[in-house]
């Protein structure tokens, strides 16, 4: 399972973990891990924030390995 977070960021002009941090209000480490697709676990609050910021549903945040969107 991978995330679509970096793709969603780039589509919206967010080009760094720092910029993502400013949008989602999470710690720098969390934002950088999200941007680099290194985050292993997600709490519901983070998923809700990401969905709100990107205006997507939770299923649009994640993709199965080998699946294309």
PDB file of N, CA and C in Angstrom:
ATOM      1  N   UNK A   1       0.845  -1.171   0.000  1.00  0.00           N
ATOM      2  CA  UNK A   1       0.000   0.000   0.000  1.00  0.00           C
ATOM      3  C   UNK A   1       0.892   1.237   0.000  1.00  0.00           C
ATOM      4  N   UNK A   2       0.577   2.170  -0.876  1.00  0.00           N
ATOM      5  CA  UNK A   2       1.302   3.438  -0.960  1.00  0.00           C
ATOM      6  C   UNK A   2       0.290   4.572  -0.861  1.00  0.00           C
ATOM      7  N   UNK A   3       0.814   5.767  -0.670  1.00  0.00           N
ATOM      8  CA  UNK A   3      -0.079   6.923  -0.645  1.00  0.00           C
ATOM      9  C   UNK A   3       0.024   7.699  -1.948  1.00  0.00           C
ATOM     10  N   UNK A   4      -0.976   8.504  -2.159  1.00  0.00           N
ATOM     11  CA  UNK A   4      -1.012   9.414  -3.297  1.00  0.00           C
ATOM     12  C   UNK A   4      -0.683  10.831  -2.830  1.00  0.00           C
ATOM     13  N   UNK A   5      -0.175  10.979  -1.614  1.00  0.00           N
ATOM     14  CA  UNK A   5      -0.015  12.292  -1.004  1.00  0.00           C
ATOM     15  C   UNK A   5       0.932  13.186  -1.804  1.00  0.00           C
ATOM     16  N   UNK A   6       2.087  12.682  -2.202  1.00  0.00           N
ATOM     17  CA  UNK A   6       3.023  13.527  -2.956  1.00  0.00           C
ATOM     18  C   UNK A   6       2.402  13.967  -4.275  1.00  0.00           C
ATOM     19  N   UNK A   7       1.727  13.063  -4.954  1.00  0.00           N
ATOM     20  CA  UNK A   7       1.053  13.393  -6.214  1.00  0.00           C
ATOM     21  C   UNK A   7       0.012  14.480  -5.986  1.00  0.00           C
ATOM     22  N   UNK A   8      -0.794  14.323  -4.933  1.00  0.00           N
ATOM     23  CA  UNK A   8      -1.807  15.319  -4.609  1.00  0.00           C
ATOM     24  C   UNK A   8      -1.168  16.661  -4.266  1.00  0.00           C
ATOM     25  N   UNK A   9      -0.060  16.610  -3.534  1.00  0.00           N
ATOM     26  CA  UNK A   9       0.670  17.840  -3.195  1.00  0.00           C
ATOM     27  C   UNK A   9       1.126  18.555  -4.451  1.00  0.00           C
ATOM     28  N   UNK A  10       1.821  17.834  -5.322  1.00  0.00           N
ATOM     29  CA  UNK A  10       2.378  18.446  -6.521  1.00  0.00           C
ATOM     30  C   UNK A  10       1.294  19.019  -7.427  1.00  0.00           C
ATOM     31  N   UNK A  11       0.150  18.338  -7.495  1.00  0.00           N
ATOM     32  CA  UNK A  11      -0.970  18.836  -8.297  1.00  0.00           C
ATOM     33  C   UNK A  11      -1.499  20.160  -7.749  1.00  0.00           C
ATOM     34  N   UNK A  12      -1.258  20.404  -6.456  1.00  0.00           N
ATOM     35  CA  UNK A  12      -1.758  21.611  -5.806  1.00  0.00           C
ATOM     36  C   UNK A  12      -0.654  22.625  -5.507  1.00  0.00           C
ATOM     37  N   UNK A  13       0.521  22.404  -6.088  1.00  0.00           N
ATOM     38  CA  UNK A  13       1.613  23.358  -5.944  1.00  0.00           C
ATOM     39  C   UNK A  13       2.381  23.250  -4.634  1.00  0.00           C
ATOM     40  N   UNK A  14       2.170  22.172  -3.890  1.00  0.00           N
ATOM     41  CA  UNK A  14       2.918  21.929  -2.652  1.00  0.00           C
ATOM     42  C   UNK A  14       4.131  21.106  -3.044  1.00  0.00           C
ATOM     43  N   UNK A  15       5.317  21.702  -2.927  1.00  0.00           N
ATOM     44  CA  UNK A  15       6.506  21.051  -3.459  1.00  0.00           C
ATOM     45  C   UNK A  15       7.505  20.589  -2.399  1.00  0.00           C
ATOM     46  N   UNK A  16       7.124  20.684  -1.128  1.00  0.00           N
ATOM     47  CA  UNK A  16       8.043  20.249  -0.075  1.00  0.00           C
ATOM     48  C   UNK A  16       7.269  19.816   1.163  1.00  0.00           C
ATOM     49  N   UNK A  17       7.950  19.052   2.006  1.00  0.00           N
ATOM     50  CA  UNK A  17       7.378  18.654   3.278  1.00  0.00           C
ATOM     51  C   UNK A  17       7.070  19.859   4.152  1.00  0.00           C
ATOM     52  N   UNK A  18       7.910  20.890   4.054  1.00  0.00           N
ATOM     53  CA  UNK A  18       7.685  22.106   4.835  1.00  0.00           C
ATOM     54  C   UNK A  18       6.369  22.773   4.435  1.00  0.00           C
ATOM     55  N   UNK A  19       6.116  22.871   3.142  1.00  0.00           N
ATOM     56  CA  UNK A  19       4.860  23.466   2.677  1.00  0.00           C
ATOM     57  C   UNK A  19       3.665  22.637   3.127  1.00  0.00           C
ATOM     58  N   UNK A  20       3.812  21.313   3.095  1.00  0.00           N
ATOM     59  CA  UNK A  20       2.740  20.440   3.564  1.00  0.00           C
ATOM     60  C   UNK A  20       2.513  20.646   5.060  1.00  0.00           C
ATOM     61  N   UNK A  21       3.587  20.766   5.808  1.00  0.00           N
ATOM     62  CA  UNK A  21       3.485  20.999   7.257  1.00  0.00           C
ATOM     63  C   UNK A  21       2.634  22.237   7.537  1.00  0.00           C
ATOM     64  N   UNK A  22       2.863  23.299   6.803  1.00  0.00           N
ATOM     65  CA  UNK A  22       2.123  24.550   6.995  1.00  0.00           C
ATOM     66  C   UNK A  22       0.635  24.370   6.701  1.00  0.00           C
ATOM     67  N   UNK A  23       0.315  23.488   5.762  1.00  0.00           N
ATOM     68  CA  UNK A  23      -1.093  23.265   5.391  1.00  0.00           C
ATOM     69  C   UNK A  23      -1.820  22.358   6.375  1.00  0.00           C
ATOM     70  N   UNK A  24      -1.122  21.347   6.901  1.00  0.00           N
ATOM     71  CA  UNK A  24      -1.821  20.353   7.726  1.00  0.00           C
ATOM     72  C   UNK A  24      -1.629  20.545   9.220  1.00  0.00           C
ATOM     73  N   UNK A  25      -0.666  21.377   9.616  1.00  0.00           N
ATOM     74  CA  UNK A  25      -0.475  21.648  11.030  1.00  0.00           C
ATOM     75  C   UNK A  25       0.093  20.498  11.839  1.00  0.00           C
ATOM     76  N   UNK A  26       0.802  19.610  11.205  1.00  0.00           N
ATOM     77  CA  UNK A  26       1.460  18.489  11.890  1.00  0.00           C
ATOM     78  C   UNK A  26       2.943  18.807  12.062  1.00  0.00           C
ATOM     79  N   UNK A  27       3.648  17.971  12.801  1.00  0.00           N
ATOM     80  CA  UNK A  27       5.072  18.204  13.049  1.00  0.00           C
ATOM     81  C   UNK A  27       5.865  18.132  11.738  1.00  0.00           C
ATOM     82  N   UNK A  28       7.024  18.789  11.695  1.00  0.00           N
ATOM     83  CA  UNK A  28       7.851  18.726  10.490  1.00  0.00           C
ATOM     84  C   UNK A  28       8.185  17.292  10.083  1.00  0.00           C
ATOM     85  N   UNK A  29       8.522  16.451  11.054  1.00  0.00           N
ATOM     86  CA  UNK A  29       8.879  15.059  10.755  1.00  0.00           C
ATOM     87  C   UNK A  29       7.704  14.328  10.111  1.00  0.00           C
ATOM     88  N   UNK A  30       6.520  14.504  10.666  1.00  0.00           N
ATOM     89  CA  UNK A  30       5.334  13.850  10.101  1.00  0.00           C
ATOM     90  C   UNK A  30       5.069  14.341   8.687  1.00  0.00           C
ATOM     91  N   UNK A  31       5.119  15.642   8.483  1.00  0.00           N
ATOM     92  CA  UNK A  31       4.844  16.208   7.158  1.00  0.00           C
ATOM     93  C   UNK A  31       5.855  15.727   6.121  1.00  0.00           C
ATOM     94  N   UNK A  32       7.125  15.698   6.493  1.00  0.00           N
ATOM     95  CA  UNK A  32       8.155  15.226   5.570  1.00  0.00           C
ATOM     96  C   UNK A  32       7.955  13.752   5.247  1.00  0.00           C
ATOM     97  N   UNK A  33       7.646  12.947   6.255  1.00  0.00           N
ATOM     98  CA  UNK A  33       7.386  11.523   6.022  1.00  0.00           C
ATOM     99  C   UNK A  33       6.171  11.321   5.124  1.00  0.00           C
ATOM    100  N   UNK A  34       5.145  12.108   5.318  1.00  0.00           N
ATOM    101  CA  UNK A  34       3.964  12.018   4.456  1.00  0.00           C
ATOM    102  C   UNK A  34       4.331  12.389   3.027  1.00  0.00           C
ATOM    103  N   UNK A  35       5.060  13.477   2.862  1.00  0.00           N
ATOM    104  CA  UNK A  35       5.432  13.949   1.527  1.00  0.00           C
ATOM    105  C   UNK A  35       6.316  12.935   0.808  1.00  0.00           C
ATOM    106  N   UNK A  36       7.199  12.297   1.543  1.00  0.00           N
ATOM    107  CA  UNK A  36       8.134  11.328   0.944  1.00  0.00           C
ATOM    108  C   UNK A  36       7.584   9.900   0.902  1.00  0.00           C
ATOM    109  N   UNK A  37       6.336   9.719   1.290  1.00  0.00           N
ATOM    110  CA  UNK A  37       5.681   8.409   1.336  1.00  0.00           C
ATOM    111  C   UNK A  37       6.424   7.441   2.262  1.00  0.00           C
ATOM    112  N   UNK A  38       6.890   7.959   3.390  1.00  0.00           N
ATOM    113  CA  UNK A  38       7.608   7.151   4.375  1.00  0.00           C
ATOM    114  C   UNK A  38       6.767   6.896   5.628  1.00  0.00           C
ATOM    115  N   UNK A  39       5.588   7.491   5.690  1.00  0.00           N
ATOM    116  CA  UNK A  39       4.721   7.313   6.855  1.00  0.00           C
ATOM    117  C   UNK A  39       4.150   5.898   6.827  1.00  0.00           C
ATOM    118  N   UNK A  40       4.303   5.170   7.918  1.00  0.00           N
ATOM    119  CA  UNK A  40       3.866   3.780   7.975  1.00  0.00           C
ATOM    120  C   UNK A  40       2.454   3.655   8.556  1.00  0.00           C
ATOM    121  N   UNK A  41       2.163   4.467   9.559  1.00  0.00           N
ATOM    122  CA  UNK A  41       0.857   4.417  10.217  1.00  0.00           C
ATOM    123  C   UNK A  41       0.180   5.774  10.136  1.00  0.00           C
ATOM    124  N   UNK A  42      -1.134   5.737  10.018  1.00  0.00           N
ATOM    125  CA  UNK A  42      -1.924   6.955   9.934  1.00  0.00           C
ATOM    126  C   UNK A  42      -3.006   6.929  10.993  1.00  0.00           C
ATOM    127  N   UNK A  43      -3.142   8.018  11.733  1.00  0.00           N
ATOM    128  CA  UNK A  43      -4.269   8.094  12.649  1.00  0.00           C
ATOM    129  C   UNK A  43      -5.437   8.736  11.902  1.00  0.00           C
ATOM    130  N   UNK A  44      -6.622   8.546  12.420  1.00  0.00           N
ATOM    131  CA  UNK A  44      -7.813   9.044  11.736  1.00  0.00           C
ATOM    132  C   UNK A  44      -7.808  10.566  11.599  1.00  0.00           C
ATOM    133  N   UNK A  45      -7.265  11.250  12.588  1.00  0.00           N
ATOM    134  CA  UNK A  45      -7.200  12.707  12.528  1.00  0.00           C
ATOM    135  C   UNK A  45      -6.362  13.164  11.330  1.00  0.00           C
ATOM    136  N   UNK A  46      -5.224  12.516  11.108  1.00  0.00           N
ATOM    137  CA  UNK A  46      -4.353  12.883   9.985  1.00  0.00           C
ATOM    138  C   UNK A  46      -5.052  12.614   8.660  1.00  0.00           C
ATOM    139  N   UNK A  47      -5.714  11.484   8.554  1.00  0.00           N
ATOM    140  CA  UNK A  47      -6.450  11.163   7.323  1.00  0.00           C
ATOM    141  C   UNK A  47      -7.526  12.210   7.076  1.00  0.00           C
ATOM    142  N   UNK A  48      -8.248  12.582   8.120  1.00  0.00           N
ATOM    143  CA  UNK A  48      -9.298  13.589   7.989  1.00  0.00           C
ATOM    144  C   UNK A  48      -8.726  14.941   7.551  1.00  0.00           C
ATOM    145  N   UNK A  49      -7.608  15.339   8.137  1.00  0.00           N
ATOM    146  CA  UNK A  49      -6.961  16.604   7.762  1.00  0.00           C
ATOM    147  C   UNK A  49      -6.523  16.561   6.298  1.00  0.00           C
ATOM    148  N   UNK A  50      -5.872  15.472   5.896  1.00  0.00           N
ATOM    149  CA  UNK A  50      -5.415  15.352   4.508  1.00  0.00           C
ATOM    150  C   UNK A  50      -6.591  15.407   3.535  1.00  0.00           C
ATOM    151  N   UNK A  51      -7.667  14.717   3.858  1.00  0.00           N
ATOM    152  CA  UNK A  51      -8.852  14.731   2.990  1.00  0.00           C
ATOM    153  C   UNK A  51      -9.418  16.142   2.867  1.00  0.00           C
ATOM    154  N   UNK A  52      -9.430  16.855   3.972  1.00  0.00           N
ATOM    155  CA  UNK A  52      -9.939  18.225   3.972  1.00  0.00           C
ATOM    156  C   UNK A  52      -9.042  19.152   3.151  1.00  0.00           C
ATOM    157  N   UNK A  53      -7.739  19.057   3.349  1.00  0.00           N
ATOM    158  CA  UNK A  53      -6.797  19.918   2.631  1.00  0.00           C
ATOM    159  C   UNK A  53      -6.834  19.648   1.128  1.00  0.00           C
ATOM    160  N   UNK A  54      -6.872  18.376   0.752  1.00  0.00           N
ATOM    161  CA  UNK A  54      -6.837  18.011  -0.666  1.00  0.00           C
ATOM    162  C   UNK A  54      -8.217  17.920  -1.303  1.00  0.00           C
ATOM    163  N   UNK A  55      -9.267  17.989  -0.460  1.00  0.00           N
ATOM    164  CA  UNK A  55     -10.647  17.862  -0.939  1.00  0.00           C
ATOM    165  C   UNK A  55     -10.853  16.546  -1.696  1.00  0.00           C
ATOM    166  N   UNK A  56     -10.443  15.465  -1.024  1.00  0.00           N
ATOM    167  CA  UNK A  56     -10.589  14.111  -1.571  1.00  0.00           C
ATOM    168  C   UNK A  56     -11.197  13.207  -0.499  1.00  0.00           C
ATOM    169  N   UNK A  57     -11.586  12.015  -0.905  1.00  0.00           N
ATOM    170  CA  UNK A  57     -12.057  11.014   0.058  1.00  0.00           C
ATOM    171  C   UNK A  57     -10.870  10.164   0.496  1.00  0.00           C
ATOM    172  N   UNK A  58     -10.998   9.447   1.609  1.00  0.00           N
ATOM    173  CA  UNK A  58      -9.873   8.622   2.084  1.00  0.00           C
ATOM    174  C   UNK A  58      -9.364   7.624   1.038  1.00  0.00           C
ATOM    175  N   UNK A  59     -10.261   7.049   0.243  1.00  0.00           N
ATOM    176  CA  UNK A  59      -9.794   6.066  -0.745  1.00  0.00           C
ATOM    177  C   UNK A  59      -8.954   6.702  -1.850  1.00  0.00           C
ATOM    178  N   UNK A  60      -8.991   8.026  -1.983  1.00  0.00           N
ATOM    179  CA  UNK A  60      -8.156   8.700  -2.973  1.00  0.00           C
ATOM    180  C   UNK A  60      -6.760   9.007  -2.433  1.00  0.00           C
ATOM    181  N   UNK A  61      -6.535   8.789  -1.139  1.00  0.00           N
ATOM    182  CA  UNK A  61      -5.220   9.015  -0.540  1.00  0.00           C
ATOM    183  C   UNK A  61      -4.285   7.825  -0.710  1.00  0.00           C
ATOM    184  N   UNK A  62      -4.865   6.635  -0.895  1.00  0.00           N
ATOM    185  CA  UNK A  62      -4.072   5.409  -0.885  1.00  0.00           C
ATOM    186  C   UNK A  62      -4.220   4.646  -2.193  1.00  0.00           C
ATOM    187  N   UNK A  63      -3.173   3.887  -2.524  1.00  0.00           N
ATOM    188  CA  UNK A  63      -3.190   3.047  -3.722  1.00  0.00           C
ATOM    189  C   UNK A  63      -2.452   1.747  -3.399  1.00  0.00           C
ATOM    190  N   UNK A  64      -2.950   0.667  -3.928  1.00  0.00           N
ATOM    191  CA  UNK A  64      -2.256  -0.616  -3.739  1.00  0.00           C
ATOM    192  C   UNK A  64      -1.056  -0.676  -4.645  1.00  0.00           C
ATOM    193  N   UNK A  65      -0.004  -1.332  -4.180  1.00  0.00           N
ATOM    194  CA  UNK A  65       1.210  -1.502  -4.983  1.00  0.00           C
ATOM    195  C   UNK A  65       0.827  -2.123  -6.334  1.00  0.00           C
ATOM    196  N   UNK A  66       1.372  -1.587  -7.396  1.00  0.00           N
ATOM    197  CA  UNK A  66       1.135  -2.124  -8.729  1.00  0.00           C
ATOM    198  C   UNK A  66      -0.131  -1.598  -9.383  1.00  0.00           C
ATOM    199  N   UNK A  67      -0.980  -0.913  -8.638  1.00  0.00           N
ATOM    200  CA  UNK A  67      -2.214  -0.351  -9.172  1.00  0.00           C
ATOM    201  C   UNK A  67      -1.935   1.061  -9.653  1.00  0.00           C
ATOM    202  N   UNK A  68      -2.497   1.454 -10.783  1.00  0.00           N
ATOM    203  CA  UNK A  68      -2.273   2.802 -11.307  1.00  0.00           C
ATOM    204  C   UNK A  68      -3.554   3.609 -11.192  1.00  0.00           C
ATOM    205  N   UNK A  69      -3.367   4.910 -10.918  1.00  0.00           N
ATOM    206  CA  UNK A  69      -4.511   5.833 -10.881  1.00  0.00           C
ATOM    207  C   UNK A  69      -4.195   7.030 -11.721  1.00  0.00           C
TER     208      UNK A  69
END
